[in-house]
N, C-alpha and C. Protein backbone atom coordinates (compact mmCIF):
# COMPACT_ATOMS: atom_id res chain seq x y z
N MET A 1 -4.26 -4.13 12.13
CA MET A 1 -4.65 -4.43 10.76
C MET A 1 -6.09 -4.01 10.53
N ASP A 2 -6.36 -3.61 9.32
CA ASP A 2 -7.70 -3.20 8.93
C ASP A 2 -8.60 -4.44 8.85
N ARG A 3 -9.84 -4.30 9.27
CA ARG A 3 -10.75 -5.44 9.28
C ARG A 3 -11.56 -5.56 7.99
N GLU A 4 -11.40 -4.64 7.09
CA GLU A 4 -12.17 -4.65 5.85
C GLU A 4 -11.38 -5.36 4.75
N TRP A 5 -12.08 -6.14 3.94
CA TRP A 5 -11.48 -6.84 2.81
C TRP A 5 -12.10 -6.29 1.54
N ASN A 6 -11.33 -6.28 0.47
CA ASN A 6 -11.90 -5.85 -0.80
C ASN A 6 -11.99 -7.03 -1.76
N ASP A 7 -12.76 -6.87 -2.79
CA ASP A 7 -13.01 -7.96 -3.73
C ASP A 7 -11.99 -8.02 -4.87
N SER A 8 -11.00 -7.13 -4.87
CA SER A 8 -10.06 -7.06 -5.98
C SER A 8 -9.04 -8.19 -5.97
N GLN A 9 -8.78 -8.78 -4.81
CA GLN A 9 -7.85 -9.91 -4.73
C GLN A 9 -8.24 -10.82 -3.58
N PRO A 10 -7.73 -12.05 -3.59
CA PRO A 10 -8.10 -13.01 -2.54
C PRO A 10 -7.72 -12.52 -1.14
N ILE A 11 -8.49 -12.94 -0.14
CA ILE A 11 -8.26 -12.51 1.24
C ILE A 11 -6.88 -12.94 1.73
N TYR A 12 -6.43 -14.16 1.37
CA TYR A 12 -5.11 -14.60 1.83
C TYR A 12 -4.02 -13.68 1.32
N ARG A 13 -4.19 -13.16 0.10
CA ARG A 13 -3.20 -12.25 -0.48
C ARG A 13 -3.24 -10.89 0.25
N GLN A 14 -4.45 -10.42 0.56
CA GLN A 14 -4.59 -9.16 1.30
C GLN A 14 -3.98 -9.30 2.70
N LEU A 15 -4.18 -10.46 3.32
CA LEU A 15 -3.59 -10.72 4.63
C LEU A 15 -2.07 -10.70 4.55
N ARG A 16 -1.52 -11.34 3.55
CA ARG A 16 -0.07 -11.34 3.33
C ARG A 16 0.43 -9.92 3.14
N ASP A 17 -0.27 -9.13 2.33
CA ASP A 17 0.14 -7.75 2.06
C ASP A 17 0.10 -6.90 3.33
N ARG A 18 -0.86 -7.15 4.20
CA ARG A 18 -0.96 -6.40 5.46
C ARG A 18 0.20 -6.72 6.38
N VAL A 19 0.59 -7.99 6.45
CA VAL A 19 1.74 -8.36 7.27
C VAL A 19 3.00 -7.72 6.69
N VAL A 20 3.15 -7.73 5.37
CA VAL A 20 4.29 -7.09 4.71
C VAL A 20 4.34 -5.61 5.07
N ALA A 21 3.20 -4.93 5.02
CA ALA A 21 3.15 -3.51 5.37
C ALA A 21 3.55 -3.29 6.83
N MET A 22 3.13 -4.19 7.71
CA MET A 22 3.49 -4.07 9.12
C MET A 22 5.00 -4.25 9.32
N ILE A 23 5.61 -5.13 8.54
CA ILE A 23 7.06 -5.31 8.62
C ILE A 23 7.77 -4.07 8.10
N LEU A 24 7.32 -3.55 6.96
CA LEU A 24 7.95 -2.36 6.37
C LEU A 24 7.79 -1.14 7.27
N ASP A 25 6.64 -1.03 7.94
CA ASP A 25 6.37 0.11 8.83
C ASP A 25 7.05 -0.04 10.19
N GLY A 26 7.64 -1.19 10.45
CA GLY A 26 8.33 -1.40 11.72
C GLY A 26 7.42 -1.84 12.86
N VAL A 27 6.17 -2.13 12.55
CA VAL A 27 5.25 -2.62 13.58
C VAL A 27 5.67 -4.02 14.01
N LEU A 28 6.03 -4.85 13.02
CA LEU A 28 6.59 -6.17 13.29
C LEU A 28 8.07 -6.12 12.98
N LYS A 29 8.89 -6.50 13.94
CA LYS A 29 10.35 -6.45 13.78
C LYS A 29 10.91 -7.85 13.69
N GLU A 30 12.17 -7.93 13.26
CA GLU A 30 12.84 -9.22 13.15
C GLU A 30 12.78 -9.95 14.49
N GLY A 31 12.39 -11.22 14.43
CA GLY A 31 12.30 -12.03 15.64
C GLY A 31 10.94 -11.99 16.31
N ASP A 32 10.09 -11.03 15.92
CA ASP A 32 8.75 -10.93 16.51
C ASP A 32 7.87 -12.09 16.03
N PRO A 33 6.99 -12.57 16.90
CA PRO A 33 6.06 -13.62 16.47
C PRO A 33 4.88 -13.02 15.70
N LEU A 34 4.38 -13.78 14.74
CA LEU A 34 3.13 -13.40 14.08
C LEU A 34 1.99 -13.82 15.00
N PRO A 35 0.87 -13.11 14.93
CA PRO A 35 -0.29 -13.58 15.69
C PRO A 35 -0.66 -14.99 15.23
N SER A 36 -1.17 -15.80 16.13
CA SER A 36 -1.50 -17.19 15.76
C SER A 36 -2.58 -17.21 14.68
N VAL A 37 -2.57 -18.29 13.93
CA VAL A 37 -3.56 -18.48 12.87
C VAL A 37 -4.97 -18.43 13.46
N ARG A 38 -5.17 -19.08 14.58
CA ARG A 38 -6.51 -19.11 15.21
C ARG A 38 -6.94 -17.72 15.66
N THR A 39 -6.01 -16.96 16.22
CA THR A 39 -6.34 -15.61 16.69
C THR A 39 -6.76 -14.73 15.52
N VAL A 40 -5.98 -14.74 14.45
CA VAL A 40 -6.29 -13.92 13.28
C VAL A 40 -7.62 -14.36 12.66
N ALA A 41 -7.80 -15.66 12.53
CA ALA A 41 -9.04 -16.19 11.94
C ALA A 41 -10.26 -15.75 12.75
N ALA A 42 -10.17 -15.82 14.07
CA ALA A 42 -11.30 -15.43 14.92
C ALA A 42 -11.52 -13.93 14.88
N GLU A 43 -10.45 -13.16 14.96
CA GLU A 43 -10.57 -11.71 15.01
C GLU A 43 -11.11 -11.11 13.72
N TYR A 44 -10.70 -11.68 12.59
CA TYR A 44 -11.11 -11.13 11.30
C TYR A 44 -12.21 -11.93 10.62
N ARG A 45 -12.70 -12.95 11.34
CA ARG A 45 -13.81 -13.77 10.85
C ARG A 45 -13.53 -14.36 9.46
N VAL A 46 -12.36 -15.00 9.36
CA VAL A 46 -12.00 -15.70 8.13
C VAL A 46 -11.63 -17.13 8.49
N ASN A 47 -11.62 -17.97 7.50
CA ASN A 47 -11.29 -19.37 7.69
C ASN A 47 -9.81 -19.50 8.09
N PRO A 48 -9.49 -20.33 9.08
CA PRO A 48 -8.09 -20.52 9.46
C PRO A 48 -7.20 -20.97 8.30
N LEU A 49 -7.75 -21.72 7.35
CA LEU A 49 -6.96 -22.14 6.19
C LEU A 49 -6.58 -20.94 5.31
N THR A 50 -7.43 -19.93 5.29
CA THR A 50 -7.13 -18.71 4.55
C THR A 50 -5.94 -18.00 5.19
N VAL A 51 -5.96 -17.89 6.51
CA VAL A 51 -4.85 -17.26 7.24
C VAL A 51 -3.57 -18.06 7.00
N LEU A 52 -3.67 -19.37 7.11
CA LEU A 52 -2.51 -20.24 6.92
C LEU A 52 -1.92 -20.09 5.52
N LYS A 53 -2.78 -19.95 4.52
CA LYS A 53 -2.30 -19.77 3.14
C LYS A 53 -1.54 -18.45 3.00
N GLY A 54 -2.06 -17.39 3.61
CA GLY A 54 -1.36 -16.10 3.58
C GLY A 54 -0.03 -16.17 4.29
N TYR A 55 0.00 -16.82 5.45
CA TYR A 55 1.24 -16.99 6.21
C TYR A 55 2.23 -17.86 5.42
N GLN A 56 1.73 -18.89 4.74
CA GLN A 56 2.61 -19.78 3.99
C GLN A 56 3.31 -19.02 2.86
N GLN A 57 2.65 -18.05 2.27
CA GLN A 57 3.30 -17.23 1.25
C GLN A 57 4.50 -16.50 1.85
N LEU A 58 4.33 -16.01 3.08
CA LEU A 58 5.44 -15.32 3.75
C LEU A 58 6.60 -16.27 4.03
N VAL A 59 6.28 -17.50 4.38
CA VAL A 59 7.31 -18.52 4.59
C VAL A 59 8.03 -18.81 3.27
N ASP A 60 7.25 -18.98 2.21
CA ASP A 60 7.82 -19.28 0.89
C ASP A 60 8.73 -18.17 0.39
N GLU A 61 8.43 -16.94 0.79
CA GLU A 61 9.24 -15.78 0.37
C GLU A 61 10.46 -15.59 1.27
N GLY A 62 10.58 -16.39 2.31
CA GLY A 62 11.72 -16.31 3.21
C GLY A 62 11.63 -15.18 4.22
N LEU A 63 10.43 -14.66 4.43
CA LEU A 63 10.23 -13.55 5.36
C LEU A 63 9.92 -14.04 6.77
N VAL A 64 9.35 -15.23 6.86
CA VAL A 64 8.88 -15.78 8.12
C VAL A 64 9.37 -17.22 8.25
N GLU A 65 9.63 -17.64 9.48
CA GLU A 65 9.99 -19.03 9.72
C GLU A 65 9.03 -19.63 10.73
N THR A 66 8.80 -20.94 10.57
CA THR A 66 7.95 -21.66 11.50
C THR A 66 8.83 -22.36 12.52
N ARG A 67 8.50 -22.16 13.78
CA ARG A 67 9.20 -22.86 14.86
C ARG A 67 8.19 -23.81 15.49
N ARG A 68 8.45 -25.08 15.28
CA ARG A 68 7.51 -26.12 15.73
C ARG A 68 7.17 -25.93 17.21
N GLY A 69 5.88 -25.86 17.47
CA GLY A 69 5.40 -25.73 18.84
C GLY A 69 5.41 -24.31 19.38
N LEU A 70 6.03 -23.37 18.64
CA LEU A 70 6.12 -21.98 19.10
C LEU A 70 5.35 -21.00 18.24
N GLY A 71 5.25 -21.28 16.95
CA GLY A 71 4.54 -20.38 16.04
C GLY A 71 5.42 -19.91 14.90
N MET A 72 5.04 -18.78 14.31
CA MET A 72 5.77 -18.21 13.18
C MET A 72 6.42 -16.91 13.62
N PHE A 73 7.64 -16.69 13.14
CA PHE A 73 8.43 -15.53 13.55
C PHE A 73 9.03 -14.85 12.33
N ILE A 74 9.20 -13.52 12.43
CA ILE A 74 9.81 -12.73 11.36
C ILE A 74 11.30 -13.08 11.30
N ASN A 75 11.77 -13.42 10.11
CA ASN A 75 13.18 -13.75 9.90
C ASN A 75 14.08 -12.53 9.99
N ALA A 76 15.33 -12.75 10.36
CA ALA A 76 16.34 -11.69 10.32
C ALA A 76 16.54 -11.28 8.86
N GLY A 77 16.59 -10.00 8.61
CA GLY A 77 16.78 -9.48 7.26
C GLY A 77 15.51 -9.38 6.43
N ALA A 78 14.37 -9.71 7.03
CA ALA A 78 13.10 -9.69 6.29
C ALA A 78 12.76 -8.29 5.78
N ARG A 79 12.97 -7.28 6.62
CA ARG A 79 12.63 -5.91 6.22
C ARG A 79 13.50 -5.45 5.05
N ASN A 80 14.79 -5.74 5.10
CA ASN A 80 15.68 -5.35 4.00
C ASN A 80 15.33 -6.07 2.71
N LEU A 81 14.99 -7.35 2.82
CA LEU A 81 14.56 -8.12 1.66
C LEU A 81 13.29 -7.53 1.05
N LEU A 82 12.36 -7.16 1.93
CA LEU A 82 11.11 -6.55 1.47
C LEU A 82 11.35 -5.19 0.83
N LEU A 83 12.19 -4.38 1.46
CA LEU A 83 12.48 -3.06 0.89
C LEU A 83 13.03 -3.18 -0.52
N GLN A 84 13.95 -4.11 -0.70
CA GLN A 84 14.55 -4.31 -2.02
C GLN A 84 13.50 -4.74 -3.04
N SER A 85 12.69 -5.74 -2.69
CA SER A 85 11.70 -6.25 -3.65
C SER A 85 10.58 -5.24 -3.89
N GLU A 86 10.14 -4.53 -2.84
CA GLU A 86 9.06 -3.55 -3.01
C GLU A 86 9.53 -2.34 -3.83
N ARG A 87 10.79 -1.95 -3.66
CA ARG A 87 11.34 -0.85 -4.47
C ARG A 87 11.38 -1.25 -5.94
N GLN A 88 11.85 -2.46 -6.23
CA GLN A 88 11.90 -2.93 -7.61
C GLN A 88 10.50 -3.02 -8.20
N LYS A 89 9.55 -3.50 -7.42
CA LYS A 89 8.17 -3.61 -7.88
C LYS A 89 7.60 -2.22 -8.18
N PHE A 90 7.85 -1.26 -7.28
CA PHE A 90 7.35 0.11 -7.49
C PHE A 90 7.96 0.72 -8.74
N LEU A 91 9.29 0.62 -8.88
CA LEU A 91 9.96 1.23 -10.03
C LEU A 91 9.58 0.56 -11.34
N GLY A 92 9.30 -0.72 -11.31
CA GLY A 92 8.95 -1.44 -12.53
C GLY A 92 7.49 -1.36 -12.91
N GLU A 93 6.60 -1.31 -11.91
CA GLU A 93 5.17 -1.38 -12.20
C GLU A 93 4.44 -0.06 -12.00
N GLU A 94 4.68 0.60 -10.88
CA GLU A 94 3.90 1.79 -10.55
C GLU A 94 4.51 3.09 -11.06
N TRP A 95 5.84 3.21 -10.96
CA TRP A 95 6.48 4.46 -11.34
C TRP A 95 6.23 4.86 -12.79
N PRO A 96 6.26 3.96 -13.76
CA PRO A 96 5.98 4.39 -15.14
C PRO A 96 4.62 5.07 -15.29
N ARG A 97 3.60 4.56 -14.59
CA ARG A 97 2.27 5.20 -14.65
C ARG A 97 2.28 6.55 -13.94
N VAL A 98 2.94 6.62 -12.78
CA VAL A 98 3.02 7.88 -12.04
C VAL A 98 3.76 8.92 -12.87
N ARG A 99 4.87 8.52 -13.44
CA ARG A 99 5.68 9.45 -14.25
C ARG A 99 4.90 9.95 -15.46
N ALA A 100 4.17 9.06 -16.12
CA ALA A 100 3.37 9.47 -17.27
C ALA A 100 2.30 10.48 -16.85
N THR A 101 1.69 10.29 -15.69
CA THR A 101 0.69 11.23 -15.20
C THR A 101 1.32 12.58 -14.89
N ILE A 102 2.49 12.57 -14.27
CA ILE A 102 3.21 13.81 -13.95
C ILE A 102 3.51 14.58 -15.22
N GLU A 103 4.01 13.87 -16.24
CA GLU A 103 4.33 14.53 -17.51
C GLU A 103 3.07 15.05 -18.20
N ARG A 104 2.00 14.26 -18.16
CA ARG A 104 0.73 14.65 -18.80
C ARG A 104 0.17 15.92 -18.17
N LEU A 105 0.31 16.05 -16.85
CA LEU A 105 -0.22 17.21 -16.13
C LEU A 105 0.75 18.38 -16.10
N GLY A 106 1.98 18.16 -16.55
CA GLY A 106 2.97 19.23 -16.56
C GLY A 106 3.40 19.68 -15.18
N LEU A 107 3.43 18.76 -14.23
CA LEU A 107 3.81 19.10 -12.87
C LEU A 107 5.32 19.29 -12.77
N LYS A 108 5.73 20.20 -11.92
CA LYS A 108 7.14 20.48 -11.68
C LYS A 108 7.58 19.82 -10.38
N ALA A 109 8.88 19.62 -10.23
CA ALA A 109 9.44 18.94 -9.06
C ALA A 109 9.06 19.65 -7.77
N GLU A 110 9.13 21.00 -7.76
CA GLU A 110 8.80 21.73 -6.53
C GLU A 110 7.32 21.58 -6.17
N GLU A 111 6.46 21.46 -7.17
CA GLU A 111 5.04 21.25 -6.90
C GLU A 111 4.82 19.89 -6.25
N LEU A 112 5.54 18.90 -6.74
CA LEU A 112 5.42 17.56 -6.17
C LEU A 112 5.95 17.52 -4.74
N MET A 113 7.05 18.21 -4.50
CA MET A 113 7.65 18.21 -3.16
C MET A 113 6.80 18.97 -2.16
N ASN A 114 6.15 20.05 -2.61
CA ASN A 114 5.31 20.86 -1.72
C ASN A 114 3.92 20.26 -1.54
N GLY A 115 3.51 19.40 -2.45
CA GLY A 115 2.21 18.78 -2.33
C GLY A 115 1.05 19.65 -2.79
N ARG A 116 1.36 20.75 -3.43
CA ARG A 116 0.29 21.60 -3.96
C ARG A 116 0.78 22.25 -5.24
N THR A 117 -0.17 22.73 -6.04
CA THR A 117 0.20 23.36 -7.30
C THR A 117 0.09 24.87 -7.17
N HIS A 118 0.92 25.55 -7.90
CA HIS A 118 0.89 27.01 -7.98
C HIS A 118 0.44 27.37 -9.38
N ARG A 119 -0.68 28.06 -9.49
CA ARG A 119 -1.18 28.45 -10.80
C ARG A 119 -0.39 29.62 -11.34
N SER A 120 -0.07 29.53 -12.61
CA SER A 120 0.64 30.65 -13.24
C SER A 120 -0.37 31.74 -13.57
N SER A 121 0.12 32.93 -13.93
CA SER A 121 -0.77 34.04 -14.23
C SER A 121 -1.61 33.76 -15.47
N THR A 122 -1.07 33.00 -16.43
CA THR A 122 -1.86 32.67 -17.62
C THR A 122 -2.98 31.69 -17.26
N ASP A 123 -2.71 30.77 -16.34
CA ASP A 123 -3.77 29.86 -15.89
C ASP A 123 -4.87 30.63 -15.19
N ASN A 124 -4.51 31.60 -14.33
CA ASN A 124 -5.50 32.39 -13.61
C ASN A 124 -6.32 33.24 -14.57
N ALA A 125 -5.69 33.80 -15.58
CA ALA A 125 -6.40 34.63 -16.55
C ALA A 125 -7.42 33.80 -17.32
N GLN A 126 -7.05 32.56 -17.63
CA GLN A 126 -7.98 31.70 -18.36
C GLN A 126 -9.12 31.24 -17.45
N ALA A 127 -8.88 31.08 -16.19
CA ALA A 127 -9.90 30.57 -15.28
C ALA A 127 -10.89 31.65 -14.87
N LYS A 128 -10.48 32.92 -14.80
CA LYS A 128 -11.35 33.98 -14.32
C LYS A 128 -12.58 34.22 -15.18
N PRO A 129 -12.49 34.27 -16.50
CA PRO A 129 -13.71 34.53 -17.28
C PRO A 129 -14.80 33.49 -17.02
N ALA A 130 -14.44 32.26 -16.86
CA ALA A 130 -15.44 31.22 -16.61
C ALA A 130 -16.10 31.44 -15.25
N GLU A 131 -15.34 31.92 -14.27
CA GLU A 131 -15.88 32.13 -12.94
C GLU A 131 -16.73 33.39 -12.86
N SER A 132 -16.46 34.41 -13.70
CA SER A 132 -17.12 35.70 -13.57
C SER A 132 -18.44 35.78 -14.34
N LYS A 133 -18.86 34.75 -15.04
CA LYS A 133 -20.13 34.78 -15.75
C LYS A 133 -21.27 34.80 -14.76
N PRO A 134 -22.25 35.67 -14.97
CA PRO A 134 -23.40 35.69 -14.06
C PRO A 134 -24.25 34.43 -14.25
N PRO A 135 -24.89 33.96 -13.19
CA PRO A 135 -25.70 32.76 -13.30
C PRO A 135 -26.92 33.02 -14.18
N LYS A 136 -27.38 32.00 -14.86
CA LYS A 136 -28.56 32.12 -15.71
C LYS A 136 -29.80 32.23 -14.86
N LYS A 137 -30.73 33.06 -15.31
CA LYS A 137 -32.00 33.21 -14.59
C LYS A 137 -32.93 32.10 -14.99
N GLU A 138 -33.63 31.56 -13.99
CA GLU A 138 -34.62 30.50 -14.28
C GLU A 138 -35.94 31.14 -14.63
N ARG A 139 -36.68 30.51 -15.49
CA ARG A 139 -37.98 31.07 -15.92
C ARG A 139 -39.11 30.37 -15.25
């Protein structure tokens, strides 16, 4: 996990999001234990109650279970549950903005898939005059 926190949202929420990312990336698998609250608090120099609050959100979402005396463990089906909810969140919140940007820039599907843009000959013709102007002389 990254040791840097940002000011855009509470630390407990960022901690929760990092654990979610680790589950989605397969770093934490079903049945795996979460690092102890004390370990995370000491390693990232945050209050143990902050860590506990982030972990409690995972419990409330049904992603993690507490086993008395043993710790917290990733529930079976947690990754699939997360995939479903994260896909819905992306399609509902982020995709409309991404799609609007794609349309505004006139990007084509092949450009998006290749990760680079190909300038058309009309774009190149318009760009060349601006590049070919000689620099102004200083007095």
